[in-house]
Amino acid sequence: MSNEKSLQDAKVKIGSKQTLKMVEQGFATEVYVALDADTKLLNKIVSLCRKRNIKLIEISSMVELGKMCGIEVGAAMAAIVEE
């Protein structure tokens, strides 16, 4: 599910609060992070994903991740959640 089209078609939660919530509650199956997002946020989500064995995909910028999610603004992170 690592291409642009499938990310738009999947059930996605966008943003740091939503993504962290989905990971903490065990609903996230994949997490996308923008490498230019706030370092503190990145460290938290990376650590949590490793601990919970969730696939982590790095995207070069928040603008690119936003486009992949089909939104007009940048996104720090997004989670693919179980249907």
N, C-alpha and C. Protein backbone atom coordinates (compact mmCIF):
# COMPACT_ATOMS: atom_id res chain seq x y z
N MET A 1 0.83 -1.19 0.00
CA MET A 1 0.00 0.00 0.00
C MET A 1 0.88 1.25 0.00
N SER A 2 2.02 1.18 -0.58
CA SER A 2 2.98 2.25 -0.48
C SER A 2 2.95 3.24 -1.63
N ASN A 3 1.96 3.20 -2.49
CA ASN A 3 1.96 4.20 -3.55
C ASN A 3 0.88 5.25 -3.32
N GLU A 4 1.00 6.35 -4.07
CA GLU A 4 0.14 7.50 -3.87
C GLU A 4 -1.34 7.18 -4.00
N LYS A 5 -1.71 6.45 -5.03
CA LYS A 5 -3.13 6.17 -5.28
C LYS A 5 -3.74 5.35 -4.14
N SER A 6 -3.05 4.33 -3.68
CA SER A 6 -3.62 3.49 -2.64
C SER A 6 -3.72 4.24 -1.31
N LEU A 7 -2.85 5.21 -1.08
CA LEU A 7 -2.93 6.00 0.16
C LEU A 7 -4.20 6.84 0.15
N GLN A 8 -4.58 7.37 -1.00
CA GLN A 8 -5.82 8.14 -1.11
C GLN A 8 -7.04 7.24 -1.01
N ASP A 9 -6.92 6.01 -1.44
CA ASP A 9 -8.05 5.09 -1.43
C ASP A 9 -8.24 4.39 -0.08
N ALA A 10 -7.20 4.36 0.72
CA ALA A 10 -7.24 3.66 2.01
C ALA A 10 -7.97 4.50 3.06
N LYS A 11 -8.30 3.86 4.16
CA LYS A 11 -8.87 4.59 5.29
C LYS A 11 -7.69 5.20 6.05
N VAL A 12 -7.58 6.53 5.97
CA VAL A 12 -6.41 7.23 6.49
C VAL A 12 -6.81 8.24 7.55
N LYS A 13 -6.02 8.31 8.60
CA LYS A 13 -6.16 9.36 9.61
C LYS A 13 -4.94 10.26 9.42
N ILE A 14 -5.19 11.55 9.23
CA ILE A 14 -4.13 12.49 8.90
C ILE A 14 -3.86 13.43 10.07
N GLY A 15 -2.58 13.70 10.32
CA GLY A 15 -2.18 14.63 11.37
C GLY A 15 -1.58 13.90 12.55
N SER A 16 -0.81 14.64 13.34
CA SER A 16 -0.09 14.01 14.44
C SER A 16 -1.00 13.49 15.54
N LYS A 17 -2.00 14.27 15.93
CA LYS A 17 -2.90 13.82 17.01
C LYS A 17 -3.66 12.57 16.61
N GLN A 18 -4.24 12.58 15.40
CA GLN A 18 -5.01 11.43 14.92
C GLN A 18 -4.12 10.20 14.77
N THR A 19 -2.93 10.41 14.20
CA THR A 19 -2.01 9.28 13.99
C THR A 19 -1.57 8.67 15.31
N LEU A 20 -1.15 9.50 16.25
CA LEU A 20 -0.73 8.99 17.56
C LEU A 20 -1.86 8.22 18.23
N LYS A 21 -3.06 8.75 18.14
CA LYS A 21 -4.22 8.10 18.75
C LYS A 21 -4.45 6.71 18.14
N MET A 22 -4.38 6.61 16.81
CA MET A 22 -4.60 5.34 16.14
C MET A 22 -3.52 4.31 16.49
N VAL A 23 -2.28 4.77 16.58
CA VAL A 23 -1.18 3.87 16.95
C VAL A 23 -1.36 3.40 18.39
N GLU A 24 -1.63 4.33 19.30
CA GLU A 24 -1.80 3.99 20.71
C GLU A 24 -2.96 3.03 20.93
N GLN A 25 -4.03 3.18 20.15
CA GLN A 25 -5.20 2.32 20.31
C GLN A 25 -5.08 1.01 19.52
N GLY A 26 -4.01 0.86 18.76
CA GLY A 26 -3.78 -0.39 18.04
C GLY A 26 -4.52 -0.52 16.72
N PHE A 27 -5.02 0.58 16.16
CA PHE A 27 -5.76 0.53 14.91
C PHE A 27 -4.89 0.75 13.67
N ALA A 28 -3.72 1.34 13.84
CA ALA A 28 -2.86 1.67 12.69
C ALA A 28 -2.13 0.43 12.18
N THR A 29 -2.09 0.28 10.85
CA THR A 29 -1.35 -0.82 10.25
C THR A 29 -0.07 -0.32 9.58
N GLU A 30 -0.07 0.94 9.13
CA GLU A 30 1.10 1.59 8.54
C GLU A 30 1.07 3.05 8.95
N VAL A 31 2.25 3.63 9.13
CA VAL A 31 2.34 5.05 9.44
C VAL A 31 3.31 5.71 8.48
N TYR A 32 2.89 6.84 7.92
CA TYR A 32 3.71 7.65 7.03
C TYR A 32 4.14 8.89 7.81
N VAL A 33 5.43 9.21 7.77
CA VAL A 33 5.92 10.40 8.45
C VAL A 33 6.70 11.27 7.48
N ALA A 34 6.53 12.59 7.62
CA ALA A 34 7.27 13.55 6.81
C ALA A 34 8.57 13.88 7.55
N LEU A 35 9.68 13.76 6.85
CA LEU A 35 10.98 13.95 7.48
C LEU A 35 11.25 15.39 7.89
N ASP A 36 10.49 16.35 7.36
CA ASP A 36 10.68 17.74 7.75
C ASP A 36 9.70 18.18 8.84
N ALA A 37 9.00 17.25 9.44
CA ALA A 37 8.09 17.56 10.55
C ALA A 37 8.90 17.81 11.82
N ASP A 38 8.23 18.29 12.84
CA ASP A 38 8.86 18.58 14.13
C ASP A 38 9.57 17.33 14.67
N THR A 39 10.82 17.51 15.04
CA THR A 39 11.66 16.39 15.50
C THR A 39 11.07 15.69 16.72
N LYS A 40 10.51 16.45 17.64
CA LYS A 40 9.92 15.88 18.85
C LYS A 40 8.76 14.93 18.50
N LEU A 41 7.91 15.37 17.56
CA LEU A 41 6.80 14.53 17.11
C LEU A 41 7.31 13.28 16.40
N LEU A 42 8.30 13.47 15.53
CA LEU A 42 8.85 12.33 14.79
C LEU A 42 9.43 11.29 15.74
N ASN A 43 10.20 11.74 16.71
CA ASN A 43 10.80 10.80 17.66
C ASN A 43 9.75 10.01 18.41
N LYS A 44 8.67 10.68 18.80
CA LYS A 44 7.61 10.02 19.55
C LYS A 44 6.92 8.94 18.70
N ILE A 45 6.55 9.29 17.48
CA ILE A 45 5.82 8.32 16.65
C ILE A 45 6.72 7.18 16.18
N VAL A 46 7.98 7.48 15.87
CA VAL A 46 8.92 6.44 15.45
C VAL A 46 9.12 5.43 16.58
N SER A 47 9.31 5.94 17.78
CA SER A 47 9.49 5.07 18.95
C SER A 47 8.26 4.20 19.18
N LEU A 48 7.10 4.80 19.11
CA LEU A 48 5.85 4.08 19.33
C LEU A 48 5.62 3.01 18.27
N CYS A 49 5.91 3.34 17.01
CA CYS A 49 5.73 2.37 15.93
C CYS A 49 6.68 1.19 16.08
N ARG A 50 7.91 1.47 16.45
CA ARG A 50 8.88 0.38 16.66
C ARG A 50 8.43 -0.53 17.79
N LYS A 51 7.96 0.08 18.86
CA LYS A 51 7.52 -0.68 20.04
C LYS A 51 6.33 -1.58 19.69
N ARG A 52 5.45 -1.09 18.83
CA ARG A 52 4.23 -1.83 18.47
C ARG A 52 4.36 -2.59 17.15
N ASN A 53 5.57 -2.56 16.58
CA ASN A 53 5.85 -3.30 15.35
C ASN A 53 4.95 -2.86 14.19
N ILE A 54 4.79 -1.56 14.01
CA ILE A 54 3.98 -1.00 12.94
C ILE A 54 4.91 -0.49 11.84
N LYS A 55 4.57 -0.83 10.60
CA LYS A 55 5.39 -0.41 9.45
C LYS A 55 5.43 1.11 9.37
N LEU A 56 6.65 1.66 9.22
CA LEU A 56 6.87 3.10 9.18
C LEU A 56 7.45 3.46 7.82
N ILE A 57 6.82 4.41 7.13
CA ILE A 57 7.27 4.82 5.81
C ILE A 57 7.64 6.30 5.87
N GLU A 58 8.86 6.62 5.46
CA GLU A 58 9.33 8.00 5.50
C GLU A 58 9.08 8.69 4.17
N ILE A 59 8.53 9.90 4.24
CA ILE A 59 8.26 10.74 3.08
C ILE A 59 9.12 11.99 3.24
N SER A 60 9.66 12.50 2.14
CA SER A 60 10.63 13.59 2.24
C SER A 60 10.09 14.89 2.81
N SER A 61 8.81 15.22 2.56
CA SER A 61 8.31 16.50 3.05
C SER A 61 6.84 16.43 3.44
N MET A 62 6.44 17.40 4.26
CA MET A 62 5.04 17.49 4.69
C MET A 62 4.14 17.81 3.50
N VAL A 63 4.61 18.63 2.58
CA VAL A 63 3.83 18.98 1.39
C VAL A 63 3.56 17.72 0.56
N GLU A 64 4.60 16.91 0.36
CA GLU A 64 4.44 15.67 -0.41
C GLU A 64 3.47 14.71 0.26
N LEU A 65 3.58 14.57 1.57
CA LEU A 65 2.68 13.68 2.30
C LEU A 65 1.24 14.19 2.21
N GLY A 66 1.05 15.49 2.32
CA GLY A 66 -0.29 16.07 2.17
C GLY A 66 -0.88 15.73 0.82
N LYS A 67 -0.08 15.87 -0.24
CA LYS A 67 -0.55 15.54 -1.59
C LYS A 67 -0.91 14.06 -1.69
N MET A 68 -0.07 13.21 -1.11
CA MET A 68 -0.35 11.77 -1.13
C MET A 68 -1.68 11.44 -0.46
N CYS A 69 -2.03 12.23 0.56
CA CYS A 69 -3.28 12.01 1.29
C CYS A 69 -4.46 12.69 0.61
N GLY A 70 -4.19 13.44 -0.45
CA GLY A 70 -5.26 14.09 -1.18
C GLY A 70 -5.75 15.38 -0.53
N ILE A 71 -4.87 16.03 0.26
CA ILE A 71 -5.26 17.30 0.89
C ILE A 71 -4.39 18.42 0.34
N GLU A 72 -4.87 19.65 0.50
CA GLU A 72 -4.21 20.82 -0.08
C GLU A 72 -3.08 21.38 0.79
N VAL A 73 -2.95 20.89 2.01
CA VAL A 73 -1.93 21.39 2.93
C VAL A 73 -0.97 20.26 3.30
N GLY A 74 0.12 20.62 3.94
CA GLY A 74 1.09 19.62 4.36
C GLY A 74 0.58 18.80 5.54
N ALA A 75 1.17 17.63 5.72
CA ALA A 75 0.82 16.76 6.84
C ALA A 75 2.11 16.20 7.44
N ALA A 76 2.20 16.23 8.75
CA ALA A 76 3.39 15.71 9.44
C ALA A 76 3.40 14.19 9.42
N MET A 77 2.21 13.60 9.56
CA MET A 77 2.11 12.14 9.58
C MET A 77 0.70 11.70 9.25
N ALA A 78 0.58 10.46 8.87
CA ALA A 78 -0.72 9.88 8.56
C ALA A 78 -0.66 8.38 8.87
N ALA A 79 -1.79 7.83 9.24
CA ALA A 79 -1.87 6.41 9.57
C ALA A 79 -2.91 5.72 8.71
N ILE A 80 -2.56 4.56 8.20
CA ILE A 80 -3.52 3.68 7.53
C ILE A 80 -4.15 2.87 8.65
N VAL A 81 -5.47 2.87 8.72
CA VAL A 81 -6.14 2.14 9.79
C VAL A 81 -6.93 0.97 9.24
N GLU A 82 -7.15 0.00 10.10
CA GLU A 82 -7.90 -1.19 9.71
C GLU A 82 -9.33 -0.80 9.37
N GLU A 83 -9.86 -1.46 8.37
CA GLU A 83 -11.24 -1.18 7.93
C GLU A 83 -12.24 -1.64 8.97
